[in-house]
N, C-alpha and C. Protein backbone atom coordinates (compact mmCIF):
# COMPACT_ATOMS: atom_id res chain seq x y z
N MET A 1 24.03 65.15 58.13
CA MET A 1 25.28 64.51 57.71
C MET A 1 25.63 64.98 56.30
N ASN A 2 26.92 65.29 56.08
CA ASN A 2 27.39 65.68 54.75
C ASN A 2 27.19 64.53 53.78
N ARG A 3 26.50 64.79 52.67
CA ARG A 3 26.13 63.69 51.77
C ARG A 3 27.34 63.02 51.15
N ARG A 4 28.34 63.80 50.78
CA ARG A 4 29.52 63.17 50.19
C ARG A 4 30.24 62.31 51.21
N GLN A 5 30.24 62.74 52.48
CA GLN A 5 30.91 61.96 53.50
C GLN A 5 30.23 60.62 53.72
N VAL A 6 28.89 60.61 53.57
CA VAL A 6 28.17 59.34 53.66
C VAL A 6 28.75 58.33 52.68
N LEU A 7 28.86 58.76 51.42
CA LEU A 7 29.35 57.86 50.38
C LEU A 7 30.82 57.54 50.58
N LYS A 8 31.60 58.53 51.01
CA LYS A 8 33.04 58.32 51.16
C LYS A 8 33.34 57.25 52.20
N ASN A 9 32.44 57.09 53.18
CA ASN A 9 32.67 56.13 54.25
C ASN A 9 32.20 54.72 53.92
N ILE A 10 31.59 54.54 52.74
CA ILE A 10 30.93 53.27 52.48
C ILE A 10 31.88 52.13 52.13
N GLY A 11 32.81 52.33 51.20
CA GLY A 11 33.62 51.21 50.72
C GLY A 11 32.82 50.36 49.77
N LEU A 12 33.38 49.24 49.35
CA LEU A 12 32.72 48.40 48.35
C LEU A 12 31.99 47.22 48.94
N GLY A 13 32.13 46.97 50.24
CA GLY A 13 31.28 46.00 50.89
C GLY A 13 31.62 44.54 50.67
N ALA A 14 32.64 44.22 49.90
CA ALA A 14 32.93 42.82 49.59
C ALA A 14 34.03 42.26 50.47
N GLY A 15 34.57 43.06 51.37
CA GLY A 15 35.72 42.61 52.13
C GLY A 15 35.41 42.10 53.52
N TYR A 16 34.17 41.78 53.80
CA TYR A 16 33.82 41.31 55.12
C TYR A 16 34.13 39.82 55.24
N VAL A 17 35.20 39.49 55.93
CA VAL A 17 35.56 38.09 56.14
C VAL A 17 35.61 37.87 57.64
N MET A 18 34.69 37.08 58.14
CA MET A 18 34.57 36.92 59.58
C MET A 18 35.03 35.52 59.98
N VAL A 19 36.16 35.46 60.63
CA VAL A 19 36.67 34.17 61.07
C VAL A 19 36.96 34.17 62.56
N ALA A 20 36.83 35.32 63.21
CA ALA A 20 37.13 35.40 64.63
C ALA A 20 36.11 34.59 65.43
N PRO A 21 36.56 33.92 66.50
CA PRO A 21 35.61 33.17 67.33
C PRO A 21 34.45 34.03 67.82
N ALA A 22 34.71 35.32 68.04
CA ALA A 22 33.64 36.19 68.51
C ALA A 22 32.47 36.24 67.54
N ALA A 23 32.77 36.17 66.23
CA ALA A 23 31.71 36.20 65.23
C ALA A 23 30.84 34.95 65.32
N PHE A 24 31.48 33.80 65.48
CA PHE A 24 30.71 32.55 65.60
C PHE A 24 29.90 32.53 66.88
N ASN A 25 30.48 33.03 67.96
CA ASN A 25 29.75 33.08 69.22
C ASN A 25 28.52 33.96 69.11
N LEU A 26 28.68 35.11 68.45
CA LEU A 26 27.54 36.00 68.25
C LEU A 26 26.46 35.33 67.41
N LEU A 27 26.87 34.62 66.37
CA LEU A 27 25.92 33.98 65.48
C LEU A 27 25.06 32.99 66.25
N GLN A 28 25.66 32.22 67.14
CA GLN A 28 24.91 31.24 67.91
C GLN A 28 24.05 31.91 68.98
N SER A 29 24.53 33.00 69.56
CA SER A 29 23.77 33.66 70.62
C SER A 29 22.53 34.36 70.08
N CYS A 30 22.56 34.73 68.81
CA CYS A 30 21.42 35.44 68.22
C CYS A 30 20.28 34.52 67.82
N LYS A 31 20.53 33.22 67.77
CA LYS A 31 19.54 32.32 67.18
C LYS A 31 18.25 32.22 68.00
N SER A 32 18.34 32.47 69.31
CA SER A 32 17.16 32.31 70.16
C SER A 32 16.59 33.63 70.64
N GLU A 33 17.10 34.75 70.12
CA GLU A 33 16.61 36.05 70.55
C GLU A 33 15.20 36.27 70.01
N PRO A 34 14.25 36.67 70.88
CA PRO A 34 12.87 36.90 70.42
C PRO A 34 12.82 37.96 69.32
N LYS A 35 12.20 37.62 68.18
CA LYS A 35 12.20 38.52 67.03
C LYS A 35 11.40 39.78 67.31
N ASN A 36 10.25 39.65 67.97
CA ASN A 36 9.37 40.79 68.17
C ASN A 36 9.91 41.77 69.20
N GLU A 37 10.89 41.36 69.97
CA GLU A 37 11.44 42.22 71.02
C GLU A 37 12.78 42.82 70.63
N TRP A 38 13.23 42.56 69.42
CA TRP A 38 14.58 43.01 69.04
C TRP A 38 14.62 44.51 68.81
N GLN A 39 15.62 45.14 69.42
CA GLN A 39 15.92 46.55 69.19
C GLN A 39 17.37 46.63 68.75
N PRO A 40 17.66 47.22 67.59
CA PRO A 40 19.05 47.31 67.14
C PRO A 40 19.92 48.04 68.16
N VAL A 41 21.18 47.60 68.22
CA VAL A 41 22.12 48.25 69.12
C VAL A 41 23.15 49.07 68.35
N PHE A 42 23.29 48.81 67.06
CA PHE A 42 24.23 49.56 66.23
C PHE A 42 23.50 50.50 65.29
N LEU A 43 22.62 49.97 64.48
CA LEU A 43 21.82 50.79 63.58
C LEU A 43 20.70 51.47 64.36
N ASN A 44 20.15 52.53 63.79
CA ASN A 44 18.96 53.09 64.40
C ASN A 44 17.77 52.19 64.08
N ALA A 45 16.64 52.42 64.75
CA ALA A 45 15.51 51.51 64.63
C ALA A 45 15.01 51.41 63.19
N THR A 46 14.99 52.53 62.47
CA THR A 46 14.48 52.52 61.09
C THR A 46 15.40 51.73 60.17
N ASN A 47 16.70 51.95 60.28
CA ASN A 47 17.64 51.21 59.44
C ASN A 47 17.67 49.73 59.83
N GLY A 48 17.42 49.43 61.11
CA GLY A 48 17.34 48.04 61.54
C GLY A 48 16.15 47.34 60.93
N MET A 49 15.00 48.03 60.88
CA MET A 49 13.82 47.48 60.25
C MET A 49 14.08 47.23 58.77
N ALA A 50 14.74 48.19 58.11
CA ALA A 50 15.05 48.04 56.69
C ALA A 50 15.98 46.86 56.46
N LEU A 51 16.96 46.70 57.35
CA LEU A 51 17.89 45.58 57.22
C LEU A 51 17.14 44.25 57.26
N THR A 52 16.16 44.14 58.13
CA THR A 52 15.37 42.91 58.22
C THR A 52 14.64 42.64 56.91
N HIS A 53 14.02 43.67 56.34
CA HIS A 53 13.32 43.50 55.06
C HIS A 53 14.31 43.09 53.95
N ILE A 54 15.45 43.76 53.90
CA ILE A 54 16.44 43.47 52.86
C ILE A 54 16.88 42.01 52.93
N LEU A 55 17.18 41.54 54.14
CA LEU A 55 17.64 40.17 54.30
C LEU A 55 16.55 39.16 53.97
N ASP A 56 15.29 39.50 54.27
CA ASP A 56 14.20 38.60 53.93
C ASP A 56 14.00 38.51 52.42
N VAL A 57 14.40 39.56 51.69
CA VAL A 57 14.37 39.50 50.23
C VAL A 57 15.51 38.63 49.71
N ILE A 58 16.70 38.83 50.25
CA ILE A 58 17.88 38.10 49.78
C ILE A 58 17.84 36.64 50.21
N LEU A 59 17.37 36.38 51.43
CA LEU A 59 17.34 35.02 51.99
C LEU A 59 15.93 34.71 52.48
N PRO A 60 14.98 34.52 51.56
CA PRO A 60 13.60 34.25 51.98
C PRO A 60 13.45 32.82 52.50
N LYS A 61 12.42 32.62 53.27
CA LYS A 61 12.11 31.27 53.72
C LYS A 61 11.49 30.49 52.57
N THR A 62 12.04 29.32 52.28
CA THR A 62 11.48 28.42 51.26
C THR A 62 11.36 27.06 51.92
N ASP A 63 11.96 26.03 51.31
CA ASP A 63 12.04 24.75 52.00
C ASP A 63 13.23 24.72 52.95
N THR A 64 13.96 25.82 53.01
CA THR A 64 15.06 25.99 53.95
C THR A 64 14.78 27.26 54.77
N PRO A 65 15.41 27.41 55.94
CA PRO A 65 15.14 28.58 56.78
C PRO A 65 15.54 29.88 56.08
N GLY A 66 14.78 30.93 56.34
CA GLY A 66 15.11 32.25 55.81
C GLY A 66 15.87 33.08 56.82
N ALA A 67 16.20 34.29 56.43
CA ALA A 67 16.99 35.16 57.30
C ALA A 67 16.30 35.43 58.63
N SER A 68 14.99 35.68 58.60
CA SER A 68 14.29 35.96 59.85
C SER A 68 14.21 34.74 60.75
N ASP A 69 14.14 33.55 60.17
CA ASP A 69 14.13 32.33 60.98
C ASP A 69 15.41 32.19 61.79
N LEU A 70 16.51 32.73 61.27
CA LEU A 70 17.82 32.57 61.90
C LEU A 70 18.30 33.85 62.58
N ASN A 71 17.45 34.86 62.63
CA ASN A 71 17.80 36.14 63.28
C ASN A 71 19.08 36.74 62.70
N ILE A 72 19.21 36.71 61.38
CA ILE A 72 20.45 37.19 60.77
C ILE A 72 20.58 38.71 60.88
N ALA A 73 19.48 39.44 60.83
CA ALA A 73 19.57 40.89 61.01
C ALA A 73 20.13 41.22 62.39
N GLN A 74 19.66 40.50 63.41
CA GLN A 74 20.16 40.71 64.76
C GLN A 74 21.65 40.42 64.83
N PHE A 75 22.07 39.36 64.17
CA PHE A 75 23.48 39.01 64.18
C PHE A 75 24.33 40.09 63.53
N ILE A 76 23.92 40.56 62.34
CA ILE A 76 24.71 41.57 61.64
C ILE A 76 24.81 42.85 62.47
N ASP A 77 23.69 43.26 63.06
CA ASP A 77 23.70 44.46 63.90
C ASP A 77 24.64 44.28 65.09
N SER A 78 24.60 43.12 65.75
CA SER A 78 25.48 42.87 66.89
C SER A 78 26.93 42.75 66.45
N TYR A 79 27.16 42.14 65.30
CA TYR A 79 28.52 42.02 64.79
C TYR A 79 29.13 43.40 64.57
N MET A 80 28.36 44.30 63.97
CA MET A 80 28.86 45.65 63.73
C MET A 80 29.14 46.36 65.05
N SER A 81 28.32 46.11 66.04
CA SER A 81 28.49 46.77 67.33
C SER A 81 29.67 46.23 68.12
N GLU A 82 29.87 44.91 68.09
CA GLU A 82 30.79 44.28 69.02
C GLU A 82 32.09 43.74 68.40
N VAL A 83 32.09 43.47 67.11
CA VAL A 83 33.23 42.77 66.50
C VAL A 83 33.91 43.60 65.41
N ALA A 84 33.15 44.27 64.58
CA ALA A 84 33.71 44.96 63.41
C ALA A 84 34.70 46.05 63.81
N GLU A 85 35.67 46.28 62.94
CA GLU A 85 36.62 47.36 63.14
C GLU A 85 35.94 48.70 62.85
N GLU A 86 36.56 49.77 63.32
CA GLU A 86 35.94 51.08 63.18
C GLU A 86 35.66 51.44 61.73
N GLY A 87 36.58 51.09 60.83
CA GLY A 87 36.36 51.38 59.42
C GLY A 87 35.14 50.67 58.88
N GLN A 88 34.94 49.41 59.25
CA GLN A 88 33.76 48.67 58.82
C GLN A 88 32.48 49.28 59.37
N LYS A 89 32.55 49.70 60.63
CA LYS A 89 31.37 50.30 61.24
C LYS A 89 30.94 51.55 60.49
N LYS A 90 31.90 52.41 60.18
CA LYS A 90 31.58 53.65 59.47
C LYS A 90 31.02 53.35 58.09
N GLU A 91 31.64 52.40 57.39
CA GLU A 91 31.17 52.03 56.05
C GLU A 91 29.73 51.53 56.10
N PHE A 92 29.44 50.66 57.07
CA PHE A 92 28.13 50.04 57.12
C PHE A 92 27.05 51.05 57.51
N GLU A 93 27.34 51.87 58.50
CA GLU A 93 26.36 52.87 58.92
C GLU A 93 26.11 53.87 57.80
N SER A 94 27.17 54.30 57.13
CA SER A 94 27.02 55.24 56.02
C SER A 94 26.24 54.62 54.87
N GLY A 95 26.48 53.33 54.63
CA GLY A 95 25.73 52.64 53.58
C GLY A 95 24.25 52.56 53.90
N ALA A 96 23.92 52.30 55.16
CA ALA A 96 22.52 52.24 55.57
C ALA A 96 21.85 53.60 55.35
N ASN A 97 22.57 54.68 55.64
CA ASN A 97 22.02 56.03 55.44
C ASN A 97 21.86 56.34 53.95
N ALA A 98 22.81 55.89 53.13
CA ALA A 98 22.69 56.10 51.69
C ALA A 98 21.47 55.35 51.14
N PHE A 99 21.24 54.13 51.65
CA PHE A 99 20.09 53.36 51.20
C PHE A 99 18.79 54.07 51.55
N ALA A 100 18.74 54.68 52.74
CA ALA A 100 17.54 55.41 53.14
C ALA A 100 17.28 56.58 52.18
N LEU A 101 18.34 57.26 51.76
CA LEU A 101 18.19 58.39 50.83
C LEU A 101 17.70 57.92 49.46
N SER A 102 18.28 56.84 48.96
CA SER A 102 17.86 56.36 47.64
C SER A 102 16.45 55.80 47.69
N PHE A 103 16.07 55.19 48.82
CA PHE A 103 14.71 54.65 48.98
C PHE A 103 13.69 55.78 48.87
N LYS A 104 14.00 56.90 49.52
CA LYS A 104 13.12 58.07 49.46
C LYS A 104 13.00 58.57 48.02
N GLU A 105 14.12 58.59 47.31
CA GLU A 105 14.10 59.06 45.92
C GLU A 105 13.35 58.10 45.02
N ASN A 106 13.55 56.80 45.22
CA ASN A 106 12.93 55.80 44.35
C ASN A 106 11.43 55.66 44.55
N PHE A 107 10.99 55.74 45.81
CA PHE A 107 9.59 55.41 46.12
C PHE A 107 8.80 56.58 46.72
N ASP A 108 9.47 57.71 46.90
CA ASP A 108 8.83 58.90 47.47
C ASP A 108 8.20 58.58 48.82
N LYS A 109 8.91 57.81 49.62
CA LYS A 109 8.46 57.50 50.97
C LYS A 109 9.67 57.18 51.84
N ASN A 110 9.52 57.36 53.12
CA ASN A 110 10.60 57.02 54.06
C ASN A 110 10.63 55.52 54.30
N LEU A 111 11.74 55.04 54.83
CA LEU A 111 11.90 53.61 55.06
C LEU A 111 10.77 53.04 55.89
N GLU A 112 10.38 53.77 56.96
CA GLU A 112 9.37 53.22 57.86
C GLU A 112 8.00 53.10 57.20
N ASP A 113 7.80 53.77 56.07
CA ASP A 113 6.53 53.68 55.35
C ASP A 113 6.59 52.69 54.19
N GLY A 114 7.73 52.06 53.99
CA GLY A 114 7.89 51.14 52.87
C GLY A 114 7.20 49.81 53.10
N GLU A 115 6.68 49.25 52.03
CA GLU A 115 6.12 47.90 52.04
C GLU A 115 7.22 46.91 51.66
N HIS A 116 6.99 45.65 51.97
CA HIS A 116 8.01 44.64 51.64
C HIS A 116 8.28 44.62 50.14
N GLU A 117 7.23 44.86 49.35
CA GLU A 117 7.41 44.87 47.89
C GLU A 117 8.35 45.99 47.46
N ASP A 118 8.36 47.10 48.19
CA ASP A 118 9.28 48.20 47.87
C ASP A 118 10.72 47.76 48.08
N PHE A 119 10.96 47.01 49.14
CA PHE A 119 12.31 46.53 49.41
C PHE A 119 12.73 45.48 48.37
N GLU A 120 11.78 44.68 47.92
CA GLU A 120 12.08 43.74 46.84
C GLU A 120 12.53 44.49 45.59
N LYS A 121 11.83 45.55 45.26
CA LYS A 121 12.18 46.34 44.08
C LYS A 121 13.54 47.02 44.25
N ALA A 122 13.81 47.50 45.46
CA ALA A 122 15.10 48.18 45.71
C ALA A 122 16.26 47.21 45.57
N VAL A 123 16.12 46.02 46.14
CA VAL A 123 17.19 45.02 46.02
C VAL A 123 17.39 44.62 44.57
N ALA A 124 16.29 44.43 43.84
CA ALA A 124 16.40 44.06 42.43
C ALA A 124 17.06 45.17 41.62
N LYS A 125 16.74 46.43 41.94
CA LYS A 125 17.28 47.57 41.18
C LYS A 125 18.81 47.62 41.27
N TYR A 126 19.35 47.39 42.45
CA TYR A 126 20.79 47.54 42.65
C TYR A 126 21.56 46.23 42.47
N LEU A 127 21.18 45.19 43.18
CA LEU A 127 21.92 43.92 43.04
C LEU A 127 21.62 43.24 41.71
N GLY A 128 20.48 43.55 41.12
CA GLY A 128 20.12 42.96 39.84
C GLY A 128 20.45 43.84 38.65
N ALA A 129 21.19 44.91 38.87
CA ALA A 129 21.55 45.81 37.78
C ALA A 129 22.46 45.12 36.78
N ASP A 130 22.47 45.59 35.55
CA ASP A 130 23.36 45.00 34.55
C ASP A 130 24.82 45.34 34.89
N LYS A 131 25.73 44.64 34.26
CA LYS A 131 27.16 44.78 34.59
C LYS A 131 27.65 46.20 34.39
N GLU A 132 27.21 46.85 33.34
CA GLU A 132 27.65 48.21 33.07
C GLU A 132 27.27 49.15 34.22
N THR A 133 26.05 48.99 34.70
CA THR A 133 25.58 49.84 35.80
C THR A 133 26.34 49.53 37.08
N ARG A 134 26.54 48.25 37.36
CA ARG A 134 27.27 47.87 38.57
C ARG A 134 28.70 48.38 38.52
N ASP A 135 29.32 48.28 37.36
CA ASP A 135 30.69 48.79 37.22
C ASP A 135 30.73 50.30 37.46
N ALA A 136 29.69 50.99 37.02
CA ALA A 136 29.63 52.44 37.23
C ALA A 136 29.49 52.77 38.71
N TYR A 137 28.67 51.98 39.42
CA TYR A 137 28.54 52.18 40.86
C TYR A 137 29.89 51.98 41.56
N VAL A 138 30.57 50.91 41.20
CA VAL A 138 31.87 50.62 41.81
C VAL A 138 32.86 51.75 41.54
N LYS A 139 32.84 52.27 40.33
CA LYS A 139 33.76 53.34 39.97
C LYS A 139 33.51 54.59 40.81
N VAL A 140 32.24 54.92 41.02
CA VAL A 140 31.90 56.09 41.82
C VAL A 140 32.36 55.91 43.27
N VAL A 141 32.05 54.76 43.84
CA VAL A 141 32.42 54.52 45.24
C VAL A 141 33.93 54.47 45.39
N SER A 142 34.61 53.84 44.44
CA SER A 142 36.07 53.77 44.49
C SER A 142 36.70 55.15 44.46
N ALA A 143 36.12 56.04 43.68
CA ALA A 143 36.67 57.39 43.55
C ALA A 143 36.63 58.13 44.87
N THR A 144 35.63 57.84 45.69
CA THR A 144 35.53 58.53 46.97
C THR A 144 36.56 58.04 47.97
N GLN A 145 37.17 56.88 47.70
CA GLN A 145 38.17 56.33 48.61
C GLN A 145 39.58 56.82 48.29
N ASP A 146 39.73 57.46 47.15
CA ASP A 146 41.05 57.92 46.71
C ASP A 146 41.24 59.39 47.09
N PRO A 147 42.13 59.67 48.05
CA PRO A 147 42.31 61.07 48.46
C PRO A 147 42.85 61.97 47.35
N GLU A 148 43.45 61.37 46.32
CA GLU A 148 43.99 62.15 45.21
C GLU A 148 42.95 62.40 44.12
N ALA A 149 41.81 61.73 44.22
CA ALA A 149 40.79 61.87 43.18
C ALA A 149 40.08 63.21 43.32
N PRO A 150 39.61 63.76 42.21
CA PRO A 150 38.86 65.02 42.29
C PRO A 150 37.54 64.82 43.02
N GLU A 151 36.98 65.92 43.48
CA GLU A 151 35.69 65.87 44.19
C GLU A 151 34.63 65.25 43.27
N VAL A 152 33.83 64.34 43.84
CA VAL A 152 32.76 63.71 43.06
C VAL A 152 31.43 64.05 43.71
N ASP A 153 30.39 64.09 42.89
CA ASP A 153 29.06 64.37 43.40
C ASP A 153 28.55 63.17 44.18
N PHE A 154 27.78 63.46 45.21
CA PHE A 154 27.19 62.38 46.00
C PHE A 154 26.24 61.55 45.14
N ASP A 155 26.28 60.26 45.29
CA ASP A 155 25.41 59.36 44.54
C ASP A 155 24.88 58.30 45.50
N ALA A 156 23.68 58.51 45.99
CA ALA A 156 23.08 57.57 46.94
C ALA A 156 22.83 56.22 46.29
N HIS A 157 22.71 56.18 44.96
CA HIS A 157 22.46 54.91 44.28
C HIS A 157 23.72 54.04 44.32
N ALA A 158 24.87 54.63 44.06
CA ALA A 158 26.12 53.87 44.19
C ALA A 158 26.32 53.43 45.62
N GLY A 159 25.98 54.30 46.57
CA GLY A 159 26.10 53.93 47.98
C GLY A 159 25.17 52.79 48.35
N SER A 160 23.98 52.79 47.79
CA SER A 160 23.02 51.71 48.07
C SER A 160 23.52 50.39 47.51
N TYR A 161 24.11 50.43 46.32
CA TYR A 161 24.66 49.20 45.75
C TYR A 161 25.75 48.63 46.65
N ALA A 162 26.64 49.49 47.14
CA ALA A 162 27.71 49.03 48.01
C ALA A 162 27.15 48.45 49.31
N TYR A 163 26.15 49.12 49.87
CA TYR A 163 25.55 48.66 51.13
C TYR A 163 24.85 47.32 50.94
N LEU A 164 24.05 47.20 49.90
CA LEU A 164 23.33 45.94 49.68
C LEU A 164 24.30 44.80 49.38
N SER A 165 25.40 45.10 48.71
CA SER A 165 26.41 44.07 48.47
C SER A 165 27.00 43.58 49.80
N ALA A 166 27.25 44.52 50.71
CA ALA A 166 27.79 44.15 52.02
C ALA A 166 26.78 43.32 52.81
N VAL A 167 25.52 43.73 52.79
CA VAL A 167 24.47 42.98 53.50
C VAL A 167 24.35 41.58 52.93
N ARG A 168 24.39 41.47 51.61
CA ARG A 168 24.31 40.15 50.97
C ARG A 168 25.47 39.26 51.41
N ASP A 169 26.70 39.79 51.39
CA ASP A 169 27.86 38.99 51.77
C ASP A 169 27.78 38.54 53.23
N LEU A 170 27.43 39.48 54.11
CA LEU A 170 27.33 39.15 55.52
C LEU A 170 26.19 38.17 55.78
N GLY A 171 25.06 38.39 55.11
CA GLY A 171 23.91 37.53 55.32
C GLY A 171 24.15 36.11 54.87
N ILE A 172 24.76 35.93 53.71
CA ILE A 172 25.04 34.58 53.22
C ILE A 172 26.05 33.88 54.11
N TRP A 173 27.06 34.63 54.57
CA TRP A 173 28.03 34.03 55.49
C TRP A 173 27.33 33.52 56.75
N ALA A 174 26.47 34.37 57.32
CA ALA A 174 25.77 33.99 58.55
C ALA A 174 24.84 32.81 58.31
N TRP A 175 24.14 32.82 57.18
CA TRP A 175 23.21 31.72 56.87
C TRP A 175 23.95 30.39 56.77
N LYS A 176 25.04 30.38 56.03
CA LYS A 176 25.79 29.14 55.83
C LYS A 176 26.44 28.63 57.10
N ASN A 177 26.78 29.54 58.01
CA ASN A 177 27.49 29.15 59.22
C ASN A 177 26.59 29.01 60.44
N SER A 178 25.28 29.15 60.27
CA SER A 178 24.37 28.96 61.38
C SER A 178 24.26 27.47 61.70
N GLU A 179 23.95 27.19 62.94
CA GLU A 179 23.84 25.79 63.37
C GLU A 179 22.72 25.07 62.63
N GLU A 180 21.58 25.74 62.48
CA GLU A 180 20.43 25.13 61.82
C GLU A 180 20.76 24.71 60.39
N VAL A 181 21.35 25.62 59.63
CA VAL A 181 21.68 25.31 58.24
C VAL A 181 22.83 24.32 58.16
N GLY A 182 23.83 24.49 59.03
CA GLY A 182 24.98 23.59 59.00
C GLY A 182 24.62 22.15 59.26
N GLU A 183 23.66 21.93 60.16
CA GLU A 183 23.32 20.56 60.53
C GLU A 183 22.17 19.97 59.73
N ASN A 184 21.25 20.82 59.27
CA ASN A 184 20.03 20.29 58.67
C ASN A 184 19.83 20.61 57.20
N VAL A 185 20.65 21.49 56.64
CA VAL A 185 20.52 21.84 55.23
C VAL A 185 21.75 21.39 54.45
N LEU A 186 22.93 21.73 54.93
CA LEU A 186 24.16 21.34 54.26
C LEU A 186 24.52 19.89 54.63
N TRP A 187 25.57 19.38 54.02
CA TRP A 187 26.06 18.03 54.31
C TRP A 187 26.86 18.10 55.60
N TYR A 188 26.33 17.46 56.64
CA TYR A 188 26.92 17.56 57.96
C TYR A 188 27.41 16.19 58.42
N ASP A 189 28.69 16.11 58.74
CA ASP A 189 29.27 14.89 59.28
C ASP A 189 30.07 15.26 60.52
N PRO A 190 29.50 15.03 61.71
CA PRO A 190 30.19 15.46 62.93
C PRO A 190 31.49 14.72 63.20
N ILE A 191 31.67 13.55 62.60
CA ILE A 191 32.90 12.78 62.80
C ILE A 191 33.42 12.36 61.42
N PRO A 192 34.02 13.30 60.71
CA PRO A 192 34.50 12.97 59.35
C PRO A 192 35.63 11.95 59.39
N GLY A 193 35.66 11.11 58.37
CA GLY A 193 36.70 10.08 58.31
C GLY A 193 37.87 10.54 57.46
N VAL A 194 38.56 9.59 56.88
CA VAL A 194 39.74 9.90 56.07
C VAL A 194 39.31 10.56 54.76
N TYR A 195 40.22 11.26 54.14
CA TYR A 195 39.95 11.90 52.87
C TYR A 195 39.78 10.86 51.77
N GLN A 196 38.70 10.97 51.01
CA GLN A 196 38.46 10.11 49.86
C GLN A 196 38.13 11.01 48.68
N GLY A 197 39.00 11.00 47.70
CA GLY A 197 38.87 11.92 46.58
C GLY A 197 37.87 11.50 45.53
N CYS A 198 37.42 10.27 45.56
CA CYS A 198 36.51 9.80 44.52
C CYS A 198 35.41 8.96 45.17
N LEU A 199 34.22 9.56 45.27
CA LEU A 199 33.08 8.89 45.87
C LEU A 199 31.85 9.06 44.98
N PRO A 200 30.93 8.10 45.01
CA PRO A 200 29.66 8.31 44.33
C PRO A 200 28.95 9.52 44.95
N LEU A 201 28.21 10.26 44.15
CA LEU A 201 27.57 11.47 44.62
C LEU A 201 26.68 11.22 45.82
N GLU A 202 25.97 10.10 45.83
CA GLU A 202 25.05 9.83 46.94
C GLU A 202 25.79 9.58 48.25
N GLU A 203 27.08 9.25 48.18
CA GLU A 203 27.86 9.05 49.40
C GLU A 203 28.63 10.30 49.80
N ALA A 204 28.44 11.35 49.03
CA ALA A 204 29.16 12.59 49.31
C ALA A 204 28.18 13.73 49.52
N GLY A 205 27.16 13.45 50.31
CA GLY A 205 26.20 14.49 50.65
C GLY A 205 25.21 14.83 49.56
N GLY A 206 25.14 13.98 48.53
CA GLY A 206 24.20 14.24 47.46
C GLY A 206 24.50 15.50 46.69
N GLY A 207 25.76 15.93 46.72
CA GLY A 207 26.16 17.14 46.00
C GLY A 207 26.05 18.41 46.82
N LYS A 208 25.61 18.31 48.09
CA LYS A 208 25.51 19.48 48.94
C LYS A 208 26.91 19.93 49.40
N THR A 209 27.04 21.21 49.68
CA THR A 209 28.26 21.73 50.27
C THR A 209 28.42 21.14 51.67
N MET A 210 29.64 20.79 52.03
CA MET A 210 29.85 20.21 53.35
C MET A 210 29.91 21.30 54.41
N SER A 211 29.21 21.07 55.51
CA SER A 211 29.23 22.00 56.62
C SER A 211 30.50 21.79 57.43
N LEU A 212 31.20 22.90 57.72
CA LEU A 212 32.43 22.81 58.48
C LEU A 212 32.13 22.82 59.97
């Protein structure tokens, strides 16, 4: 694959807004899929494995369910295959490939040889970068989207930042909208009453976000 084309197809990853019923249906259908038997249908097997590690870093299991508990990697892969528009598909696949390239450069190993700690370091390197570095990544990726812009050198690091940003956005959306989190972690009221603008905190979910 042409390296510049990989980056050119990525986009900035922040525009994933999923409101279609198909997305919610997919989210619920993925919750009971056996984890050990999952084979990606959109990403290749190696990028699918990496996606699982990345999501477990971003959404680890604590006193609340983690990404693997909710099969969020399976959901994102199925969403890309069945719901996403062609432009989103190209951006996401290209981003996954850029991440694989930067992983090799950062750790001198292929994705399939990476340890979970390597993925923790990769996520911290890009999503935890200082503002100046993040702005530089955005500038590079933005330049590849402008047909009038001069040719730019391929930068797998900027591509990785865009990809991880997209995974984070999709993962958090899926986590918040899962049945398990909606009913057992967030403030859930299956039969909401009239609007009351001023309530004691303990009567308003204890400060938790309300599950829709």
